[in-house]
Amino acid sequence: MNKHLASVLTTVNAPYSMQLDDAMLAHCLVDLDLAKQHPGHVSTFLGEVSPLLQVEFAAVHHIPVPDLQAFAAAFSAWSGESYPLAA
């Protein structure tokens, strides 16, 4: 993973003692039940990382944009938060 995308992990992990690596974060973005076990990390990804970087991170991990958008909408419905990609 390049430095540009590594900044995603820095943002997502900053407030938490448990650190997710890029593979674990990617797994959270395709599995709502797993995401619910790491709600802060996922919420930070969807709410604080720019949508452009979210899409780039997803592409690196072979997550199609429509799947990421559907996940964002499902996570939004579960969490009650609003996220740009959940539109």
PDB file of N, CA and C in Angstrom:
ATOM      1  N   MET A   1       0.861  -1.180   0.000  1.00  0.00           N
ATOM      2  CA  MET A   1       0.000   0.000   0.000  1.00  0.00           C
ATOM      3  C   MET A   1       0.899   1.231   0.000  1.00  0.00           C
ATOM      4  N   ASN A   2       0.538   2.189  -0.828  1.00  0.00           N
ATOM      5  CA  ASN A   2       1.357   3.397  -0.914  1.00  0.00           C
ATOM      6  C   ASN A   2       1.096   4.327   0.284  1.00  0.00           C
ATOM      7  N   LYS A   3       1.953   5.320   0.425  1.00  0.00           N
ATOM      8  CA  LYS A   3       1.842   6.260   1.551  1.00  0.00           C
ATOM      9  C   LYS A   3       0.503   6.981   1.552  1.00  0.00           C
ATOM     10  N   HIS A   4       0.033   7.300   0.359  1.00  0.00           N
ATOM     11  CA  HIS A   4      -1.232   8.014   0.211  1.00  0.00           C
ATOM     12  C   HIS A   4      -2.365   7.223   0.868  1.00  0.00           C
ATOM     13  N   LEU A   5      -2.433   5.933   0.559  1.00  0.00           N
ATOM     14  CA  LEU A   5      -3.482   5.109   1.146  1.00  0.00           C
ATOM     15  C   LEU A   5      -3.174   4.724   2.586  1.00  0.00           C
ATOM     16  N   ALA A   6      -1.908   4.694   2.950  1.00  0.00           N
ATOM     17  CA  ALA A   6      -1.548   4.414   4.341  1.00  0.00           C
ATOM     18  C   ALA A   6      -2.112   5.491   5.258  1.00  0.00           C
ATOM     19  N   SER A   7      -2.295   6.693   4.731  1.00  0.00           N
ATOM     20  CA  SER A   7      -2.871   7.764   5.551  1.00  0.00           C
ATOM     21  C   SER A   7      -4.308   7.430   5.950  1.00  0.00           C
ATOM     22  N   VAL A   8      -4.970   6.603   5.144  1.00  0.00           N
ATOM     23  CA  VAL A   8      -6.322   6.152   5.502  1.00  0.00           C
ATOM     24  C   VAL A   8      -6.264   5.405   6.826  1.00  0.00           C
ATOM     25  N   LEU A   9      -5.316   4.501   6.944  1.00  0.00           N
ATOM     26  CA  LEU A   9      -5.197   3.724   8.189  1.00  0.00           C
ATOM     27  C   LEU A   9      -4.821   4.604   9.363  1.00  0.00           C
ATOM     28  N   THR A  10      -3.973   5.590   9.128  1.00  0.00           N
ATOM     29  CA  THR A  10      -3.607   6.512  10.200  1.00  0.00           C
ATOM     30  C   THR A  10      -4.848   7.224  10.720  1.00  0.00           C
ATOM     31  N   THR A  11      -5.694   7.672   9.817  1.00  0.00           N
ATOM     32  CA  THR A  11      -6.929   8.361  10.205  1.00  0.00           C
ATOM     33  C   THR A  11      -7.880   7.423  10.939  1.00  0.00           C
ATOM     34  N   VAL A  12      -8.074   6.248  10.371  1.00  0.00           N
ATOM     35  CA  VAL A  12      -9.033   5.293  10.933  1.00  0.00           C
ATOM     36  C   VAL A  12      -8.590   4.788  12.298  1.00  0.00           C
ATOM     37  N   ASN A  13      -7.298   4.565  12.474  1.00  0.00           N
ATOM     38  CA  ASN A  13      -6.793   3.971  13.708  1.00  0.00           C
ATOM     39  C   ASN A  13      -6.433   4.978  14.795  1.00  0.00           C
ATOM     40  N   ALA A  14      -6.299   6.249  14.453  1.00  0.00           N
ATOM     41  CA  ALA A  14      -5.777   7.247  15.386  1.00  0.00           C
ATOM     42  C   ALA A  14      -6.432   7.237  16.765  1.00  0.00           C
ATOM     43  N   PRO A  15      -7.747   7.235  16.862  1.00  0.00           N
ATOM     44  CA  PRO A  15      -8.331   7.326  18.198  1.00  0.00           C
ATOM     45  C   PRO A  15      -8.481   5.999  18.945  1.00  0.00           C
ATOM     46  N   TYR A  16      -8.015   4.906  18.368  1.00  0.00           N
ATOM     47  CA  TYR A  16      -8.299   3.592  18.962  1.00  0.00           C
ATOM     48  C   TYR A  16      -7.028   2.844  19.329  1.00  0.00           C
ATOM     49  N   SER A  17      -7.082   2.121  20.442  1.00  0.00           N
ATOM     50  CA  SER A  17      -5.923   1.326  20.850  1.00  0.00           C
ATOM     51  C   SER A  17      -5.789   0.090  19.962  1.00  0.00           C
ATOM     52  N   MET A  18      -6.920  -0.476  19.530  1.00  0.00           N
ATOM     53  CA  MET A  18      -6.863  -1.597  18.599  1.00  0.00           C
ATOM     54  C   MET A  18      -6.655  -1.049  17.193  1.00  0.00           C
ATOM     55  N   GLN A  19      -5.632  -1.516  16.530  1.00  0.00           N
ATOM     56  CA  GLN A  19      -5.286  -1.031  15.201  1.00  0.00           C
ATOM     57  C   GLN A  19      -5.707  -2.052  14.147  1.00  0.00           C
ATOM     58  N   LEU A  20      -6.416  -1.602  13.124  1.00  0.00           N
ATOM     59  CA  LEU A  20      -6.778  -2.461  12.006  1.00  0.00           C
ATOM     60  C   LEU A  20      -5.744  -2.303  10.900  1.00  0.00           C
ATOM     61  N   ASP A  21      -5.364  -3.414  10.278  1.00  0.00           N
ATOM     62  CA  ASP A  21      -4.512  -3.287   9.096  1.00  0.00           C
ATOM     63  C   ASP A  21      -5.415  -3.116   7.882  1.00  0.00           C
ATOM     64  N   ASP A  22      -4.818  -2.908   6.722  1.00  0.00           N
ATOM     65  CA  ASP A  22      -5.628  -2.613   5.552  1.00  0.00           C
ATOM     66  C   ASP A  22      -6.531  -3.780   5.160  1.00  0.00           C
ATOM     67  N   ALA A  23      -6.057  -5.011   5.313  1.00  0.00           N
ATOM     68  CA  ALA A  23      -6.877  -6.172   4.957  1.00  0.00           C
ATOM     69  C   ALA A  23      -8.084  -6.287   5.885  1.00  0.00           C
ATOM     70  N   MET A  24      -7.878  -6.049   7.163  1.00  0.00           N
ATOM     71  CA  MET A  24      -8.987  -6.137   8.123  1.00  0.00           C
ATOM     72  C   MET A  24     -10.011  -5.039   7.861  1.00  0.00           C
ATOM     73  N   LEU A  25      -9.546  -3.829   7.587  1.00  0.00           N
ATOM     74  CA  LEU A  25     -10.471  -2.755   7.270  1.00  0.00           C
ATOM     75  C   LEU A  25     -11.260  -3.096   6.009  1.00  0.00           C
ATOM     76  N   ALA A  26     -10.588  -3.620   5.010  1.00  0.00           N
ATOM     77  CA  ALA A  26     -11.274  -4.009   3.774  1.00  0.00           C
ATOM     78  C   ALA A  26     -12.330  -5.078   4.054  1.00  0.00           C
ATOM     79  N   HIS A  27     -12.012  -6.036   4.907  1.00  0.00           N
ATOM     80  CA  HIS A  27     -13.004  -7.057   5.270  1.00  0.00           C
ATOM     81  C   HIS A  27     -14.206  -6.429   5.969  1.00  0.00           C
ATOM     82  N   CYS A  28     -13.957  -5.450   6.802  1.00  0.00           N
ATOM     83  CA  CYS A  28     -15.060  -4.756   7.480  1.00  0.00           C
ATOM     84  C   CYS A  28     -15.976  -4.055   6.472  1.00  0.00           C
ATOM     85  N   LEU A  29     -15.414  -3.625   5.359  1.00  0.00           N
ATOM     86  CA  LEU A  29     -16.188  -2.860   4.377  1.00  0.00           C
ATOM     87  C   LEU A  29     -17.047  -3.736   3.469  1.00  0.00           C
ATOM     88  N   VAL A  30     -16.952  -5.026   3.649  1.00  0.00           N
ATOM     89  CA  VAL A  30     -17.787  -5.944   2.866  1.00  0.00           C
ATOM     90  C   VAL A  30     -18.617  -6.869   3.752  1.00  0.00           C
ATOM     91  N   ASP A  31     -18.469  -6.741   5.053  1.00  0.00           N
ATOM     92  CA  ASP A  31     -19.166  -7.624   5.989  1.00  0.00           C
ATOM     93  C   ASP A  31     -19.754  -6.779   7.116  1.00  0.00           C
ATOM     94  N   LEU A  32     -21.046  -6.525   7.042  1.00  0.00           N
ATOM     95  CA  LEU A  32     -21.693  -5.645   8.019  1.00  0.00           C
ATOM     96  C   LEU A  32     -21.565  -6.183   9.437  1.00  0.00           C
ATOM     97  N   ASP A  33     -21.666  -7.491   9.611  1.00  0.00           N
ATOM     98  CA  ASP A  33     -21.535  -8.058  10.957  1.00  0.00           C
ATOM     99  C   ASP A  33     -20.138  -7.811  11.528  1.00  0.00           C
ATOM    100  N   LEU A  34     -19.121  -7.954  10.706  1.00  0.00           N
ATOM    101  CA  LEU A  34     -17.754  -7.663  11.146  1.00  0.00           C
ATOM    102  C   LEU A  34     -17.599  -6.174  11.420  1.00  0.00           C
ATOM    103  N   ALA A  35     -18.179  -5.350  10.560  1.00  0.00           N
ATOM    104  CA  ALA A  35     -18.104  -3.896  10.746  1.00  0.00           C
ATOM    105  C   ALA A  35     -18.720  -3.482  12.076  1.00  0.00           C
ATOM    106  N   LYS A  36     -19.776  -4.158  12.476  1.00  0.00           N
ATOM    107  CA  LYS A  36     -20.429  -3.846  13.754  1.00  0.00           C
ATOM    108  C   LYS A  36     -19.521  -4.143  14.948  1.00  0.00           C
ATOM    109  N   GLN A  37     -18.516  -4.972  14.749  1.00  0.00           N
ATOM    110  CA  GLN A  37     -17.538  -5.250  15.806  1.00  0.00           C
ATOM    111  C   GLN A  37     -16.466  -4.162  15.894  1.00  0.00           C
ATOM    112  N   HIS A  38     -16.389  -3.326  14.859  1.00  0.00           N
ATOM    113  CA  HIS A  38     -15.403  -2.238  14.796  1.00  0.00           C
ATOM    114  C   HIS A  38     -16.106  -0.957  14.335  1.00  0.00           C
ATOM    115  N   PRO A  39     -17.178  -0.564  15.004  1.00  0.00           N
ATOM    116  CA  PRO A  39     -17.991   0.553  14.502  1.00  0.00           C
ATOM    117  C   PRO A  39     -17.246   1.881  14.449  1.00  0.00           C
ATOM    118  N   GLY A  40     -16.367   2.121  15.387  1.00  0.00           N
ATOM    119  CA  GLY A  40     -15.633   3.388  15.383  1.00  0.00           C
ATOM    120  C   GLY A  40     -14.713   3.504  14.186  1.00  0.00           C
ATOM    121  N   HIS A  41     -13.983   2.451  13.904  1.00  0.00           N
ATOM    122  CA  HIS A  41     -13.069   2.451  12.762  1.00  0.00           C
ATOM    123  C   HIS A  41     -13.844   2.657  11.457  1.00  0.00           C
ATOM    124  N   VAL A  42     -14.930   1.901  11.308  1.00  0.00           N
ATOM    125  CA  VAL A  42     -15.708   1.984  10.070  1.00  0.00           C
ATOM    126  C   VAL A  42     -16.362   3.355   9.939  1.00  0.00           C
ATOM    127  N   SER A  43     -16.901   3.863  11.035  1.00  0.00           N
ATOM    128  CA  SER A  43     -17.520   5.184  11.004  1.00  0.00           C
ATOM    129  C   SER A  43     -16.491   6.257  10.646  1.00  0.00           C
ATOM    130  N   THR A  44     -15.298   6.139  11.186  1.00  0.00           N
ATOM    131  CA  THR A  44     -14.237   7.089  10.858  1.00  0.00           C
ATOM    132  C   THR A  44     -13.884   6.997   9.378  1.00  0.00           C
ATOM    133  N   PHE A  45     -13.776   5.783   8.857  1.00  0.00           N
ATOM    134  CA  PHE A  45     -13.483   5.611   7.438  1.00  0.00           C
ATOM    135  C   PHE A  45     -14.556   6.284   6.595  1.00  0.00           C
ATOM    136  N   LEU A  46     -15.803   5.985   6.870  1.00  0.00           N
ATOM    137  CA  LEU A  46     -16.900   6.500   6.049  1.00  0.00           C
ATOM    138  C   LEU A  46     -17.167   7.987   6.259  1.00  0.00           C
ATOM    139  N   GLY A  47     -16.840   8.504   7.446  1.00  0.00           N
ATOM    140  CA  GLY A  47     -17.171   9.887   7.754  1.00  0.00           C
ATOM    141  C   GLY A  47     -16.032  10.876   7.702  1.00  0.00           C
ATOM    142  N   GLU A  48     -14.789  10.407   7.887  1.00  0.00           N
ATOM    143  CA  GLU A  48     -13.667  11.336   7.960  1.00  0.00           C
ATOM    144  C   GLU A  48     -12.656  11.200   6.828  1.00  0.00           C
ATOM    145  N   VAL A  49     -12.643  10.072   6.171  1.00  0.00           N
ATOM    146  CA  VAL A  49     -11.774   9.880   5.007  1.00  0.00           C
ATOM    147  C   VAL A  49     -12.536  10.412   3.793  1.00  0.00           C
ATOM    148  N   SER A  50     -11.869  11.140   2.930  1.00  0.00           N
ATOM    149  CA  SER A  50     -12.548  11.717   1.769  1.00  0.00           C
ATOM    150  C   SER A  50     -13.132  10.600   0.903  1.00  0.00           C
ATOM    151  N   PRO A  51     -14.278  10.860   0.293  1.00  0.00           N
ATOM    152  CA  PRO A  51     -14.870   9.840  -0.583  1.00  0.00           C
ATOM    153  C   PRO A  51     -13.916   9.375  -1.694  1.00  0.00           C
ATOM    154  N   LEU A  52     -13.105  10.276  -2.210  1.00  0.00           N
ATOM    155  CA  LEU A  52     -12.133   9.899  -3.230  1.00  0.00           C
ATOM    156  C   LEU A  52     -11.155   8.848  -2.701  1.00  0.00           C
ATOM    157  N   LEU A  53     -10.643   9.072  -1.487  1.00  0.00           N
ATOM    158  CA  LEU A  53      -9.730   8.094  -0.883  1.00  0.00           C
ATOM    159  C   LEU A  53     -10.461   6.808  -0.508  1.00  0.00           C
ATOM    160  N   GLN A  54     -11.725   6.909  -0.114  1.00  0.00           N
ATOM    161  CA  GLN A  54     -12.495   5.699   0.183  1.00  0.00           C
ATOM    162  C   GLN A  54     -12.590   4.822  -1.062  1.00  0.00           C
ATOM    163  N   VAL A  55     -12.905   5.450  -2.188  1.00  0.00           N
ATOM    164  CA  VAL A  55     -13.033   4.721  -3.454  1.00  0.00           C
ATOM    165  C   VAL A  55     -11.682   4.141  -3.863  1.00  0.00           C
ATOM    166  N   GLU A  56     -10.622   4.912  -3.697  1.00  0.00           N
ATOM    167  CA  GLU A  56      -9.283   4.424  -4.048  1.00  0.00           C
ATOM    168  C   GLU A  56      -8.889   3.238  -3.172  1.00  0.00           C
ATOM    169  N   PHE A  57      -9.152   3.335  -1.866  1.00  0.00           N
ATOM    170  CA  PHE A  57      -8.858   2.233  -0.946  1.00  0.00           C
ATOM    171  C   PHE A  57      -9.651   0.993  -1.351  1.00  0.00           C
ATOM    172  N   ALA A  58     -10.922   1.172  -1.650  1.00  0.00           N
ATOM    173  CA  ALA A  58     -11.767   0.056  -2.059  1.00  0.00           C
ATOM    174  C   ALA A  58     -11.236  -0.590  -3.338  1.00  0.00           C
ATOM    175  N   ALA A  59     -10.827   0.214  -4.286  1.00  0.00           N
ATOM    176  CA  ALA A  59     -10.321  -0.321  -5.557  1.00  0.00           C
ATOM    177  C   ALA A  59      -9.088  -1.188  -5.341  1.00  0.00           C
ATOM    178  N   VAL A  60      -8.192  -0.731  -4.486  1.00  0.00           N
ATOM    179  CA  VAL A  60      -6.977  -1.495  -4.184  1.00  0.00           C
ATOM    180  C   VAL A  60      -7.346  -2.862  -3.601  1.00  0.00           C
ATOM    181  N   HIS A  61      -8.454  -2.916  -2.892  1.00  0.00           N
ATOM    182  CA  HIS A  61      -8.885  -4.162  -2.238  1.00  0.00           C
ATOM    183  C   HIS A  61     -10.005  -4.869  -3.015  1.00  0.00           C
ATOM    184  N   HIS A  62     -10.165  -4.488  -4.274  1.00  0.00           N
ATOM    185  CA  HIS A  62     -11.100  -5.157  -5.184  1.00  0.00           C
ATOM    186  C   HIS A  62     -12.546  -5.109  -4.700  1.00  0.00           C
ATOM    187  N   ILE A  63     -12.911  -3.986  -4.104  1.00  0.00           N
ATOM    188  CA  ILE A  63     -14.294  -3.749  -3.675  1.00  0.00           C
ATOM    189  C   ILE A  63     -14.913  -2.800  -4.697  1.00  0.00           C
ATOM    190  N   PRO A  64     -15.888  -3.256  -5.473  1.00  0.00           N
ATOM    191  CA  PRO A  64     -16.522  -2.374  -6.457  1.00  0.00           C
ATOM    192  C   PRO A  64     -17.217  -1.192  -5.777  1.00  0.00           C
ATOM    193  N   VAL A  65     -17.179  -0.044  -6.439  1.00  0.00           N
ATOM    194  CA  VAL A  65     -17.780   1.171  -5.877  1.00  0.00           C
ATOM    195  C   VAL A  65     -19.258   0.959  -5.517  1.00  0.00           C
ATOM    196  N   PRO A  66     -20.068   0.328  -6.369  1.00  0.00           N
ATOM    197  CA  PRO A  66     -21.474   0.116  -5.972  1.00  0.00           C
ATOM    198  C   PRO A  66     -21.612  -0.720  -4.691  1.00  0.00           C
ATOM    199  N   ASP A  67     -20.703  -1.675  -4.505  1.00  0.00           N
ATOM    200  CA  ASP A  67     -20.734  -2.472  -3.276  1.00  0.00           C
ATOM    201  C   ASP A  67     -20.371  -1.620  -2.067  1.00  0.00           C
ATOM    202  N   LEU A  68     -19.373  -0.741  -2.224  1.00  0.00           N
ATOM    203  CA  LEU A  68     -18.983   0.152  -1.131  1.00  0.00           C
ATOM    204  C   LEU A  68     -20.128   1.108  -0.799  1.00  0.00           C
ATOM    205  N   GLN A  69     -20.803   1.611  -1.821  1.00  0.00           N
ATOM    206  CA  GLN A  69     -21.930   2.513  -1.592  1.00  0.00           C
ATOM    207  C   GLN A  69     -23.075   1.782  -0.874  1.00  0.00           C
ATOM    208  N   ALA A  70     -23.358   0.561  -1.290  1.00  0.00           N
ATOM    209  CA  ALA A  70     -24.411  -0.224  -0.630  1.00  0.00           C
ATOM    210  C   ALA A  70     -24.032  -0.511   0.815  1.00  0.00           C
ATOM    211  N   PHE A  71     -22.748  -0.819   1.048  1.00  0.00           N
ATOM    212  CA  PHE A  71     -22.298  -1.050   2.414  1.00  0.00           C
ATOM    213  C   PHE A  71     -22.448   0.224   3.247  1.00  0.00           C
ATOM    214  N   ALA A  72     -22.035   1.354   2.690  1.00  0.00           N
ATOM    215  CA  ALA A  72     -22.145   2.628   3.413  1.00  0.00           C
ATOM    216  C   ALA A  72     -23.594   2.910   3.786  1.00  0.00           C
ATOM    217  N   ALA A  73     -24.503   2.628   2.878  1.00  0.00           N
ATOM    218  CA  ALA A  73     -25.929   2.839   3.162  1.00  0.00           C
ATOM    219  C   ALA A  73     -26.411   1.907   4.269  1.00  0.00           C
ATOM    220  N   ALA A  74     -26.002   0.651   4.227  1.00  0.00           N
ATOM    221  CA  ALA A  74     -26.404  -0.309   5.256  1.00  0.00           C
ATOM    222  C   ALA A  74     -25.814   0.065   6.615  1.00  0.00           C
ATOM    223  N   PHE A  75     -24.540   0.470   6.625  1.00  0.00           N
ATOM    224  CA  PHE A  75     -23.902   0.862   7.881  1.00  0.00           C
ATOM    225  C   PHE A  75     -24.543   2.137   8.423  1.00  0.00           C
ATOM    226  N   SER A  76     -24.882   3.041   7.532  1.00  0.00           N
ATOM    227  CA  SER A  76     -25.564   4.274   7.916  1.00  0.00           C
ATOM    228  C   SER A  76     -26.907   3.972   8.564  1.00  0.00           C
ATOM    229  N   ALA A  77     -27.661   3.059   7.958  1.00  0.00           N
ATOM    230  CA  ALA A  77     -28.960   2.679   8.508  1.00  0.00           C
ATOM    231  C   ALA A  77     -28.800   2.054   9.889  1.00  0.00           C
ATOM    232  N   TRP A  78     -27.758   1.249  10.064  1.00  0.00           N
ATOM    233  CA  TRP A  78     -27.522   0.595  11.348  1.00  0.00           C
ATOM    234  C   TRP A  78     -27.053   1.599  12.407  1.00  0.00           C
ATOM    235  N   SER A  79     -26.130   2.494  12.014  1.00  0.00           N
ATOM    236  CA  SER A  79     -25.505   3.393  12.989  1.00  0.00           C
ATOM    237  C   SER A  79     -26.299   4.672  13.240  1.00  0.00           C
ATOM    238  N   GLY A  80     -27.136   5.044  12.277  1.00  0.00           N
ATOM    239  CA  GLY A  80     -27.861   6.299  12.395  1.00  0.00           C
ATOM    240  C   GLY A  80     -27.056   7.508  11.951  1.00  0.00           C
ATOM    241  N   GLU A  81     -25.857   7.287  11.462  1.00  0.00           N
ATOM    242  CA  GLU A  81     -24.995   8.365  10.978  1.00  0.00           C
ATOM    243  C   GLU A  81     -25.196   8.558   9.476  1.00  0.00           C
ATOM    244  N   SER A  82     -24.817   9.729   8.981  1.00  0.00           N
ATOM    245  CA  SER A  82     -24.873  10.017   7.552  1.00  0.00           C
ATOM    246  C   SER A  82     -23.460   9.998   6.980  1.00  0.00           C
ATOM    247  N   TYR A  83     -23.305   9.387   5.814  1.00  0.00           N
ATOM    248  CA  TYR A  83     -22.006   9.292   5.166  1.00  0.00           C
ATOM    249  C   TYR A  83     -22.151   9.677   3.696  1.00  0.00           C
ATOM    250  N   PRO A  84     -21.152  10.364   3.136  1.00  0.00           N
ATOM    251  CA  PRO A  84     -21.243  10.813   1.741  1.00  0.00           C
ATOM    252  C   PRO A  84     -21.542   9.705   0.740  1.00  0.00           C
ATOM    253  N   LEU A  85     -20.916   8.543   0.892  1.00  0.00           N
ATOM    254  CA  LEU A  85     -21.128   7.469  -0.080  1.00  0.00           C
ATOM    255  C   LEU A  85     -22.429   6.718   0.135  1.00  0.00           C
ATOM    256  N   ALA A  86     -23.143   7.019   1.192  1.00  0.00           N
ATOM    257  CA  ALA A  86     -24.390   6.315   1.498  1.00  0.00           C
ATOM    258  C   ALA A  86     -25.596   6.946   0.812  1.00  0.00           C
ATOM    259  N   ALA A  87     -25.345   7.933  -0.020  1.00  0.00           N
ATOM    260  CA  ALA A  87     -26.444   8.673  -0.655  1.00  0.00           C
ATOM    261  C   ALA A  87     -27.344   7.804  -1.489  1.00  0.00           C
TER     262      ALA A  87
END
